[in-house]
Each structure stands twice: as structure tokens, then as C-alpha cells.
Amino acid sequence: HIEDAPRFPWRGALLDSARHFLPTPTILKMLDAMVANKLNVLHWHITDDQSFPLRTTAYPELVRGAYSPKHTYAREDVKAIVEAAADRAIRVVPELDTPGHSLSWAVGYPEVAVQECHTLDPTSAATDTMLQAVFAEVAQLFPDTYIHLGCDEVSFACWNTSKKVTSWMQEHGVPRTERGFKSLTARYIGRVQSIVKALGKTSVVWQEAMDHYGDSTANPTPPFAQLDEETVVEQWLDPPWNWANLSSIVEPGYIGRNDSWAHGFRALTTNGWYLDSTDVNSWDKVYVTEPLTNKSCFYNSSFPQGHCSCECPSGPWRDGRCHCFDLRRSSAAASVLGGEACLWGEYIDASNLFPRAFPRLSAVAERLWSAMEVNDPAQALPRLLRQRCRLLRRGIEVTPLGPGFCPGESATLEHVASLNSV
């Protein structure tokens, strides 16, 4: 008799089809690899500065932002991916990142963009009209409850050089200050969230939407009023660049505020799990990264609650202090939905996706599934070795964990090679 259940409901992998196009069969293959590792969310980062590969009916010229007509996803491709994912109990969460990371939108519709800043125009009525139509179509294509809106890495300095942005700000009495540009960004995000909410969807945003764009002249900034309280905030920044560690996102109150922030947000974490890094043999570092604390903990009979220490390897935070946090025994831990391992596509395409992802993605999968006390790499190694062999037999390329072999290895590797030659 075996009783088993996941620790977190959101156990995801991010695929980036904008920096390098990923053919539909490659994404379907990733779904097979994900279900073999009990991962249940595909976060599909579809568009970015480099390309807009999604064909839309409402704004058909958007696809001119793709690398070529062959590097696109038709409705049939999306349908095949969503249905295959559902068959494997995997949800597909689409991301169309705006207002930043959206230069590709301007290829077909330059009137909606501030091209020199690689953003959509936050002041244009044409932008609002397009977003309404595009997200309505995305909501139909992707049945999941969530849509990821991005909202990261907006350059206020660049907007300050844009005549059409600054003219709008002057006309509407918005000062060309940090506070003014934050209010402009908050206004934009609030409008996009309203569009998505009206479509029956819940927003996911990168953490800047919470901790960088609040109405304040100095960071740390409180979440702005337009940020919907149902928002899921995805943490990705490490010190010294960010303000909000995970506890600041999910718990009431907020770093730097004198008053109490009335509630926390639900959260996802990616910290320590950017698998596009070339350190493909670092599965043990990935494995011990605990979502609920930035402390290093080990557990044994002498320390059943864990013996933990905290360091700031990235240097002090902006206020000069190291913000260690620990949600392991906190009621706010319930607001941490889980996490995602990110496979950003600058240096990843179909040729190296799987050996770059695995075995580290298997390590993330175990961390998100198993109890936090199960975190000894030495004990995990035999399990990951067996999992590597299982994945190889299924045709998934996996980087070796070290010297060794798989039973029937010659036949296994020949099987992988034959699948990849088809």
C-alpha cells in the first residue's frame, strides 16, 4: 500500500518559443517528459522582443513578427498541444509578455509600440483595443484559469526619451519622475488585468508588477492599488536587485512600509531554477533549493525540524541587510502555489532542450513533490540515476549524472537516436 501526494499544486516548467522557435513535436515531447516527472504546468512563454510566433485572427499581421512564416503556431498546433497536455493532466499557461519584451508586436502594428524602448505604448488607445482582442483570442485557445501577463523589465529611462509617451504624460499632468513613470506602468497593468479578469481569467505577473511599480519615489515600493488582489506573483529576482522575498509577497505587511499591507498575494518561485544556465551538472544545487526558505537546511534524527543557516551569496540587499526568510512553519506557506523551472531560449532550441533540462528538471520535480525533509542529494542520486535510465528508454535525452551506465544502455541509446532521426 502506497500513499503519495504532491506537496505543491503548481509544479511547472517554462518553455520559451520566442528566442528560438520550438516545433510542435518538440513541445509534445516535452509534455511526455513532464508527465514522466509528475510536472503538471507548462508555462509557455510564447512571445518576446525577438519573435511573435502565434497566429491570431483578430490581428493577423502580428505574425509578421515571427522569424519566418514557417516559425509559427497555427490554431491547430495550439489545439494539439493543449489537448495533449490535458491528456497528461498538464495545464498550459500562456504568457504574452507586455508592456516590455514586445518589440515583435511592432513589426505588424508599429502604431501600438514605443519601438526604441521595446515596449507597447502604454498611452495609446490602439494598444488597449489590440490587447482586448488578442487576449480574448488567447482565452479561447487556452482553457486554463491563468494567463501570464509578464509585466517585467520596463525601462523608465527609455520612456522618458519617447516623445509620444512624455507628451501624453504632460497632457495628463503625470510628472516625468520615477513616481510618474511608476503610475503610468501601474495604470497599464491595471487595464490589462481588467481585460483578462473580464474574460474569466486570473493574472500571473513577474514580481516587478508588485515591488517595482508602486506609487513611491523610492524603493521598496508598496504594491499599487490597481494590482488585483487575486494576482499570482512569480518571484525571479535575487538580491541585490529585488525587494520582495517570498515572505514579503505572501504575508501581510511589506518591507519598507510603515502601515500594514492588508494582505499578501499568492506566489510562485523560480529562484535557483533557471535551467538555461550551462551548469548542466548542478542537479544537486537545484535539488536542495527549498521554495519556502532561502536558508540552507538539513534534517536528521537530531534535527527533525531542520538545522538551518542563511547566507547572502549575492551580497546585501538594497537596504544593507540580508533578508533571510522562512515560511516552512508559517500559515502563509499555503499561498505559495509552487514553482517553475525556467528554460529561457536565448541559447536553447530543439537541438539541446532536453539535455539542458534533464536531469535538473527531474530534481526540481522531486523538490516540488516530496516532503521538504527529503533533501539529501546523496540519497536522491540513486533515484535520479534510475529516472535517467527510464527517460532514456522513453526517448528523452538526459545529461549523465556522472560515470555509470543504464541496463541495456546500448539498446536504449540506439532507441533515442532512432527517435531523433525520424
Protein backbone atom coordinates (compact mmCIF):
# COMPACT_ATOMS: atom_id res chain seq x y z
CA HIS A 1 0.00 0.00 0.00
CA ILE A 2 1.49 3.33 -1.10
CA GLU A 3 0.11 6.73 -0.21
CA ASP A 4 1.62 9.63 -2.10
CA ALA A 5 0.58 13.17 -2.92
CA PRO A 6 2.35 16.28 -4.19
CA ARG A 7 3.49 18.93 -1.75
CA PHE A 8 2.71 21.80 -4.14
CA PRO A 9 -0.16 22.01 -6.64
CA TRP A 10 1.86 24.05 -9.20
CA ARG A 11 4.87 22.11 -10.48
CA GLY A 12 5.92 23.75 -13.69
CA ALA A 13 8.41 24.12 -16.50
CA LEU A 14 8.74 27.27 -18.61
CA LEU A 15 9.40 26.90 -22.32
CA ASP A 16 10.47 29.92 -24.37
CA SER A 17 9.42 29.69 -28.02
CA ALA A 18 10.20 33.33 -28.80
CA ARG A 19 14.01 33.44 -28.58
CA HIS A 20 14.21 30.15 -30.51
CA PHE A 21 11.17 28.63 -32.16
CA LEU A 22 10.27 25.22 -30.73
CA PRO A 23 8.45 22.98 -33.22
CA THR A 24 5.17 21.50 -32.07
CA PRO A 25 6.58 17.92 -31.92
CA THR A 26 9.31 19.19 -29.56
CA ILE A 27 6.73 20.70 -27.22
CA LEU A 28 4.69 17.48 -27.35
CA LYS A 29 7.83 15.55 -26.47
CA MET A 30 8.40 17.85 -23.51
CA LEU A 31 4.89 17.06 -22.30
CA ASP A 32 5.84 13.37 -22.31
CA ALA A 33 8.97 14.17 -20.31
CA MET A 34 6.99 16.33 -17.88
CA VAL A 35 4.35 13.72 -17.12
CA ALA A 36 7.13 11.17 -16.53
CA ASN A 37 8.38 13.53 -13.80
CA LYS A 38 4.96 14.44 -12.33
CA LEU A 39 5.17 18.03 -13.52
CA ASN A 40 1.74 19.47 -14.17
CA VAL A 41 2.10 23.03 -15.56
CA LEU A 42 3.60 24.08 -18.88
CA HIS A 43 4.28 27.82 -18.70
CA TRP A 44 4.52 28.70 -22.38
CA HIS A 45 6.41 31.97 -22.92
CA ILE A 46 5.14 32.43 -26.44
CA THR A 47 6.21 35.94 -27.45
CA ASP A 48 9.08 38.30 -26.75
CA ASP A 49 11.15 41.00 -28.48
CA GLN A 50 12.64 38.52 -30.89
CA SER A 51 9.51 36.93 -32.34
CA PHE A 52 5.72 36.71 -32.24
CA PRO A 53 5.06 33.16 -33.49
CA LEU A 54 1.36 32.88 -32.55
CA ARG A 55 -1.09 33.27 -35.43
CA THR A 56 -4.12 35.36 -34.47
CA THR A 57 -7.29 36.05 -36.40
CA ALA A 58 -8.12 39.40 -34.82
CA TYR A 59 -4.71 40.92 -35.68
CA PRO A 60 -3.30 38.67 -38.42
CA GLU A 61 -0.29 40.91 -39.09
CA LEU A 62 1.13 40.21 -35.63
CA VAL A 63 2.66 37.04 -37.01
CA ARG A 64 4.88 39.19 -39.22
CA GLY A 65 6.92 39.45 -36.05
CA ALA A 66 7.81 35.75 -36.31
CA TYR A 67 11.19 34.65 -37.62
CA SER A 68 9.51 33.36 -40.78
CA PRO A 69 6.10 32.02 -41.87
CA LYS A 70 7.36 28.53 -41.04
CA HIS A 71 8.26 29.54 -37.49
CA THR A 72 4.68 30.00 -36.33
CA TYR A 73 1.92 28.23 -34.41
CA ALA A 74 -1.46 27.90 -36.07
CA ARG A 75 -4.63 27.30 -34.08
CA GLU A 76 -4.30 23.61 -34.90
CA ASP A 77 -0.86 23.50 -33.29
CA VAL A 78 -2.10 25.16 -30.12
CA LYS A 79 -5.10 22.83 -30.00
CA ALA A 80 -2.85 19.77 -30.36
CA ILE A 81 -0.56 20.97 -27.55
CA VAL A 82 -3.40 21.89 -25.18
CA GLU A 83 -5.22 18.59 -25.79
CA ALA A 84 -2.06 16.51 -25.42
CA ALA A 85 -1.30 18.34 -22.18
CA ALA A 86 -4.81 17.71 -20.84
CA ASP A 87 -4.46 14.00 -21.65
CA ARG A 88 -1.39 14.03 -19.38
CA ALA A 89 -3.04 16.11 -16.62
CA ILE A 90 -0.84 19.07 -17.53
CA ARG A 91 -2.18 22.61 -17.64
CA VAL A 92 -0.88 25.06 -20.24
CA VAL A 93 -0.47 28.65 -19.02
CA PRO A 94 0.28 31.04 -21.91
CA GLU A 95 2.43 34.13 -21.47
CA LEU A 96 2.31 37.15 -23.74
CA ASP A 97 4.74 39.47 -22.01
CA THR A 98 3.87 43.19 -22.11
CA PRO A 99 4.40 46.11 -21.93
CA GLY A 100 8.12 45.27 -22.14
CA HIS A 101 9.64 42.47 -24.21
CA SER A 102 7.21 43.29 -27.02
CA LEU A 103 9.22 44.69 -29.93
CA SER A 104 7.90 41.87 -32.15
CA TRP A 105 4.34 43.26 -31.85
CA ALA A 106 5.52 46.39 -33.67
CA VAL A 107 6.54 44.58 -36.86
CA GLY A 108 2.93 44.22 -37.94
CA TYR A 109 1.45 47.11 -35.98
CA PRO A 110 4.02 49.83 -35.32
CA GLU A 111 1.35 52.23 -34.08
CA VAL A 112 0.96 50.29 -30.79
CA ALA A 113 4.64 50.35 -29.83
CA VAL A 114 7.39 52.52 -28.45
CA GLN A 115 9.88 50.72 -30.65
CA GLU A 116 13.05 52.31 -29.32
CA CYS A 117 12.10 51.02 -25.85
CA HIS A 118 10.99 47.54 -26.97
CA THR A 119 7.60 48.14 -25.32
CA LEU A 120 4.00 48.60 -26.23
CA ASP A 121 2.76 52.16 -26.00
CA PRO A 122 1.15 52.45 -22.55
CA THR A 123 -0.66 55.65 -23.56
CA SER A 124 -2.33 54.55 -26.81
CA ALA A 125 -5.99 53.65 -27.23
CA ALA A 126 -4.91 51.45 -30.15
CA THR A 127 -2.85 49.39 -27.68
CA ASP A 128 -5.90 48.85 -25.47
CA THR A 129 -8.01 47.78 -28.44
CA MET A 130 -5.40 45.30 -29.60
CA LEU A 131 -4.86 43.83 -26.13
CA GLN A 132 -8.61 43.33 -25.72
CA ALA A 133 -8.86 41.39 -28.97
CA VAL A 134 -5.65 39.39 -28.62
CA PHE A 135 -6.30 38.27 -25.04
CA ALA A 136 -9.88 37.37 -25.93
CA GLU A 137 -8.48 35.04 -28.57
CA VAL A 138 -5.82 33.67 -26.22
CA ALA A 139 -8.50 32.99 -23.60
CA GLN A 140 -10.37 30.86 -26.14
CA LEU A 141 -7.26 28.98 -27.25
CA PHE A 142 -6.08 28.20 -23.72
CA PRO A 143 -8.80 26.93 -21.34
CA ASP A 144 -6.68 27.22 -18.19
CA THR A 145 -7.76 29.62 -15.46
CA TYR A 146 -4.50 31.57 -15.62
CA ILE A 147 -2.87 33.86 -18.18
CA HIS A 148 0.63 35.17 -17.58
CA LEU A 149 0.93 38.87 -18.37
CA GLY A 150 4.68 39.27 -17.89
CA CYS A 151 4.97 42.94 -16.85
CA ASP A 152 8.71 42.79 -16.14
CA GLU A 153 11.74 44.92 -17.06
CA VAL A 154 10.19 48.19 -18.19
CA SER A 155 12.77 50.94 -18.76
CA PHE A 156 11.53 54.25 -17.39
CA ALA A 157 14.65 55.97 -18.67
CA CYS A 158 13.78 54.94 -22.21
CA TRP A 159 10.15 56.02 -21.90
CA ASN A 160 11.48 59.38 -20.73
CA THR A 161 13.07 59.80 -24.19
CA SER A 162 9.85 58.95 -26.09
CA LYS A 163 8.03 61.98 -27.42
CA LYS A 164 4.64 60.28 -27.59
CA VAL A 165 4.90 58.91 -24.05
CA THR A 166 6.14 62.15 -22.50
CA SER A 167 3.62 64.23 -24.45
CA TRP A 168 0.79 62.12 -23.08
CA MET A 169 2.21 62.44 -19.55
CA GLN A 170 2.40 66.23 -19.87
CA GLU A 171 -1.15 66.43 -21.25
CA HIS A 172 -2.49 64.36 -18.36
CA GLY A 173 -0.46 66.00 -15.62
CA VAL A 174 1.76 62.98 -14.94
CA PRO A 175 5.23 64.11 -13.84
CA ARG A 176 8.33 62.80 -15.63
CA THR A 177 9.67 61.36 -12.40
CA GLU A 178 10.12 57.86 -11.07
CA ARG A 179 6.76 58.17 -9.34
CA GLY A 180 5.16 59.38 -12.57
CA PHE A 181 6.51 56.52 -14.66
CA LYS A 182 5.50 54.03 -11.98
CA SER A 183 1.97 55.38 -12.03
CA LEU A 184 1.93 55.10 -15.83
CA THR A 185 3.07 51.46 -15.62
CA ALA A 186 0.58 50.72 -12.86
CA ARG A 187 -2.18 52.21 -14.98
CA TYR A 188 -1.21 49.98 -17.91
CA ILE A 189 -1.02 46.79 -15.83
CA GLY A 190 -4.33 47.59 -14.18
CA ARG A 191 -6.00 47.93 -17.58
CA VAL A 192 -4.57 44.65 -18.87
CA GLN A 193 -5.61 42.85 -15.70
CA SER A 194 -9.13 44.24 -16.10
CA ILE A 195 -9.26 42.85 -19.64
CA VAL A 196 -8.13 39.41 -18.51
CA LYS A 197 -10.43 39.37 -15.48
CA ALA A 198 -13.43 40.22 -17.65
CA LEU A 199 -12.55 37.14 -19.71
CA GLY A 200 -12.81 34.98 -16.59
CA LYS A 201 -9.05 34.57 -16.19
CA THR A 202 -6.64 35.16 -13.31
CA SER A 203 -3.41 37.07 -13.88
CA VAL A 204 0.09 35.83 -13.22
CA VAL A 205 2.81 38.50 -13.28
CA TRP A 206 6.55 38.67 -12.76
CA GLN A 207 7.39 40.24 -9.43
CA GLU A 208 8.23 43.74 -10.70
CA ALA A 209 4.48 44.29 -11.02
CA MET A 210 4.36 44.07 -7.24
CA ASP A 211 7.58 45.56 -5.91
CA HIS A 212 8.90 47.95 -8.57
CA TYR A 213 5.89 49.81 -9.89
CA GLY A 214 4.19 51.02 -6.72
CA ASP A 215 3.40 54.70 -6.23
CA SER A 216 6.54 55.72 -4.35
CA THR A 217 9.59 57.82 -5.12
CA ALA A 218 11.97 55.30 -3.59
CA ASN A 219 12.10 51.55 -3.38
CA PRO A 220 10.98 49.44 -1.70
CA THR A 221 7.63 50.35 -3.19
CA PRO A 222 4.26 49.08 -1.99
CA PRO A 223 2.02 47.16 -4.38
CA PHE A 224 -0.04 49.63 -6.36
CA ALA A 225 -3.79 49.93 -5.97
CA GLN A 226 -4.57 48.62 -9.45
CA LEU A 227 -2.87 45.26 -8.80
CA ASP A 228 -5.74 42.82 -8.43
CA GLU A 229 -5.70 41.00 -5.11
CA GLU A 230 -6.19 37.65 -6.87
CA THR A 231 -2.91 38.14 -8.78
CA VAL A 232 -0.31 35.39 -8.61
CA VAL A 233 3.15 36.94 -8.29
CA GLU A 234 6.08 34.98 -9.72
CA GLN A 235 9.35 35.70 -7.95
CA TRP A 236 12.50 35.58 -10.05
CA LEU A 237 14.90 38.27 -8.86
CA ASP A 238 17.73 37.65 -6.43
CA PRO A 239 19.50 40.17 -4.20
CA PRO A 240 20.63 42.83 -4.67
CA TRP A 241 18.12 43.57 -7.45
CA ASN A 242 14.80 42.89 -5.80
CA TRP A 243 12.95 43.96 -2.72
CA ALA A 244 10.31 41.34 -2.19
CA ASN A 245 11.46 37.98 -0.99
CA LEU A 246 8.83 35.28 -0.92
CA SER A 247 7.63 36.07 2.58
CA SER A 248 7.11 39.71 1.56
CA ILE A 249 4.89 38.56 -1.30
CA VAL A 250 2.64 36.16 0.60
CA GLU A 251 2.49 37.65 4.10
CA PRO A 252 0.61 40.76 5.25
CA GLY A 253 2.82 43.79 5.64
CA TYR A 254 5.58 44.83 3.30
CA ILE A 255 9.25 45.70 3.54
CA GLY A 256 9.70 49.46 3.86
CA ARG A 257 6.06 50.32 4.61
CA ASN A 258 5.06 51.95 7.86
CA ASP A 259 1.48 50.80 7.53
CA SER A 260 0.41 47.19 7.10
CA TRP A 261 -0.30 45.89 3.65
CA ALA A 262 -3.73 44.39 4.10
CA HIS A 263 -3.00 41.02 2.51
CA GLY A 264 -0.37 39.06 0.75
CA PHE A 265 -0.53 37.62 -2.76
CA ARG A 266 -0.35 34.06 -3.92
CA ALA A 267 3.09 33.28 -5.27
CA LEU A 268 5.29 31.10 -7.44
CA THR A 269 9.05 30.85 -7.18
CA THR A 270 11.75 30.21 -9.75
CA ASN A 271 14.75 31.09 -7.62
CA GLY A 272 17.66 28.73 -8.21
CA TRP A 273 15.84 27.02 -11.05
CA TYR A 274 16.95 28.83 -14.20
CA LEU A 275 17.92 25.76 -16.18
CA ASP A 276 19.03 27.68 -19.27
CA SER A 277 22.35 28.05 -17.43
CA THR A 278 25.10 25.87 -18.85
CA ASP A 279 25.91 24.34 -15.47
CA VAL A 280 24.15 21.15 -16.52
CA ASN A 281 25.80 19.05 -13.82
CA SER A 282 24.47 21.17 -10.95
CA TRP A 283 21.45 18.98 -10.25
CA ASP A 284 22.39 18.79 -6.54
CA LYS A 285 22.25 22.59 -6.15
CA VAL A 286 18.88 22.61 -7.86
CA TYR A 287 17.70 19.75 -5.66
CA VAL A 288 18.44 21.44 -2.32
CA THR A 289 16.81 24.76 -3.27
CA GLU A 290 13.82 24.94 -0.95
CA PRO A 291 10.85 27.01 -2.13
CA LEU A 292 9.75 28.08 1.36
CA THR A 293 13.04 29.45 2.69
CA ASN A 294 16.33 30.89 1.48
CA LYS A 295 18.06 29.17 4.37
CA SER A 296 20.13 26.03 3.86
CA CYS A 297 18.62 23.25 5.96
CA PHE A 298 19.39 19.63 6.69
CA TYR A 299 17.26 17.15 8.57
CA ASN A 300 18.13 14.08 10.63
CA SER A 301 17.04 12.37 13.84
CA SER A 302 18.81 15.03 15.89
CA PHE A 303 17.22 17.87 13.92
CA PRO A 304 13.74 16.70 12.83
CA GLN A 305 12.67 20.34 12.39
CA GLY A 306 15.82 21.07 10.41
CA HIS A 307 19.15 22.69 11.20
CA CYS A 308 19.32 25.83 9.06
CA SER A 309 21.72 28.62 8.21
CA CYS A 310 21.31 31.64 5.99
CA GLU A 311 23.81 33.48 3.87
CA CYS A 312 23.55 36.21 1.24
CA PRO A 313 25.82 34.94 -1.54
CA SER A 314 24.64 37.68 -3.89
CA GLY A 315 25.61 40.45 -1.47
CA PRO A 316 23.47 42.63 0.79
CA TRP A 317 20.06 43.85 -0.25
CA ARG A 318 19.46 47.46 -1.13
CA ASP A 319 18.72 48.46 2.46
CA GLY A 320 22.06 46.98 3.54
CA ARG A 321 20.54 43.97 5.27
CA CYS A 322 20.29 40.32 4.37
CA HIS A 323 16.66 39.28 4.32
CA CYS A 324 16.53 35.65 5.31
CA PHE A 325 13.03 34.26 5.33
CA ASP A 326 11.48 31.02 6.49
CA LEU A 327 7.91 30.06 5.65
CA ARG A 328 8.28 26.36 6.43
CA ARG A 329 6.07 26.53 9.53
CA SER A 330 4.05 29.60 8.53
CA SER A 331 0.37 29.61 7.67
CA ALA A 332 1.31 31.89 4.75
CA ALA A 333 3.05 28.92 3.12
CA ALA A 334 -0.36 27.91 1.76
CA SER A 335 -0.17 30.95 -0.52
CA VAL A 336 2.94 29.55 -2.20
CA LEU A 337 1.36 27.57 -5.03
CA GLY A 338 4.66 26.01 -6.06
CA GLY A 339 7.34 26.86 -8.54
CA GLU A 340 8.70 26.61 -12.05
CA ALA A 341 11.99 25.69 -13.65
CA CYS A 342 12.73 28.12 -16.47
CA LEU A 343 14.27 27.17 -19.80
CA TRP A 344 14.80 30.56 -21.39
CA GLY A 345 15.52 30.27 -25.08
CA GLU A 346 18.44 32.59 -25.84
CA TYR A 347 20.74 29.58 -26.10
CA ILE A 348 18.20 26.75 -26.21
CA ASP A 349 16.40 25.29 -29.21
CA ALA A 350 15.11 21.86 -30.15
CA SER A 351 18.65 20.55 -30.57
CA ASN A 352 19.67 20.94 -26.93
CA LEU A 353 16.45 21.46 -24.97
CA PHE A 354 16.26 18.07 -23.31
CA PRO A 355 19.89 17.51 -22.21
CA ARG A 356 19.89 21.10 -20.93
CA ALA A 357 16.70 20.46 -18.95
CA PHE A 358 17.41 16.98 -17.61
CA PRO A 359 18.32 15.65 -15.07
CA ARG A 360 17.97 19.03 -13.32
CA LEU A 361 14.27 19.26 -14.15
CA SER A 362 13.80 15.86 -12.51
CA ALA A 363 15.46 17.27 -9.39
CA VAL A 364 13.08 20.24 -9.37
CA ALA A 365 10.15 17.87 -9.84
CA GLU A 366 11.12 15.88 -6.76
CA ARG A 367 11.61 19.03 -4.72
CA LEU A 368 8.11 20.24 -5.61
CA TRP A 369 6.54 16.85 -4.98
CA SER A 370 8.30 15.40 -1.94
CA ALA A 371 8.41 16.49 1.68
CA MET A 372 10.89 19.24 2.47
CA GLU A 373 12.73 16.90 4.84
CA VAL A 374 13.62 14.70 1.85
CA ASN A 375 16.50 16.85 0.63
CA ASP A 376 19.71 14.83 0.87
CA PRO A 377 21.44 14.73 -2.57
CA ALA A 378 23.33 11.57 -1.65
CA GLN A 379 20.05 9.75 -1.08
CA ALA A 380 18.46 11.31 -4.15
CA LEU A 381 21.26 10.28 -6.53
CA PRO A 382 20.23 6.61 -6.92
CA ARG A 383 16.65 7.72 -7.65
CA LEU A 384 17.79 10.21 -10.28
CA LEU A 385 20.08 7.63 -11.88
CA ARG A 386 17.14 5.26 -12.24
CA GLN A 387 14.95 8.08 -13.53
CA ARG A 388 17.56 8.99 -16.14
CA CYS A 389 17.50 5.44 -17.45
CA ARG A 390 13.71 5.43 -17.58
CA LEU A 391 13.70 8.70 -19.52
CA LEU A 392 16.30 7.42 -21.97
CA ARG A 393 14.14 4.36 -22.63
CA ARG A 394 11.29 6.77 -23.43
CA GLY A 395 13.42 8.63 -25.95
CA ILE A 396 14.26 11.64 -23.77
CA GLU A 397 17.89 12.81 -23.94
CA VAL A 398 19.30 13.28 -20.42
CA THR A 399 22.74 14.56 -19.46
CA PRO A 400 24.67 11.95 -17.43
CA LEU A 401 24.92 12.49 -13.70
CA GLY A 402 28.44 11.08 -13.67
CA PRO A 403 30.24 7.86 -14.58
CA GLY A 404 27.99 4.83 -14.90
CA PHE A 405 25.61 3.04 -17.24
CA CYS A 406 22.00 2.08 -17.73
CA PRO A 407 20.97 -1.58 -18.02
CA GLY A 408 20.60 -2.30 -21.71
CA GLU A 409 22.31 1.01 -22.38
CA SER A 410 23.35 0.31 -25.95
CA ALA A 411 19.82 -0.53 -26.98
CA THR A 412 18.50 2.45 -25.00
CA LEU A 413 20.79 4.96 -26.67
CA GLU A 414 20.12 3.46 -30.07
CA HIS A 415 16.40 3.88 -29.34
CA VAL A 416 16.89 7.57 -28.54
CA ALA A 417 18.95 8.05 -31.68
CA SER A 418 16.33 6.33 -33.83
CA LEU A 419 13.55 8.53 -32.44
CA ASN A 420 15.54 11.66 -33.14
CA SER A 421 16.33 10.62 -36.70
CA VAL A 422 12.68 10.30 -37.66
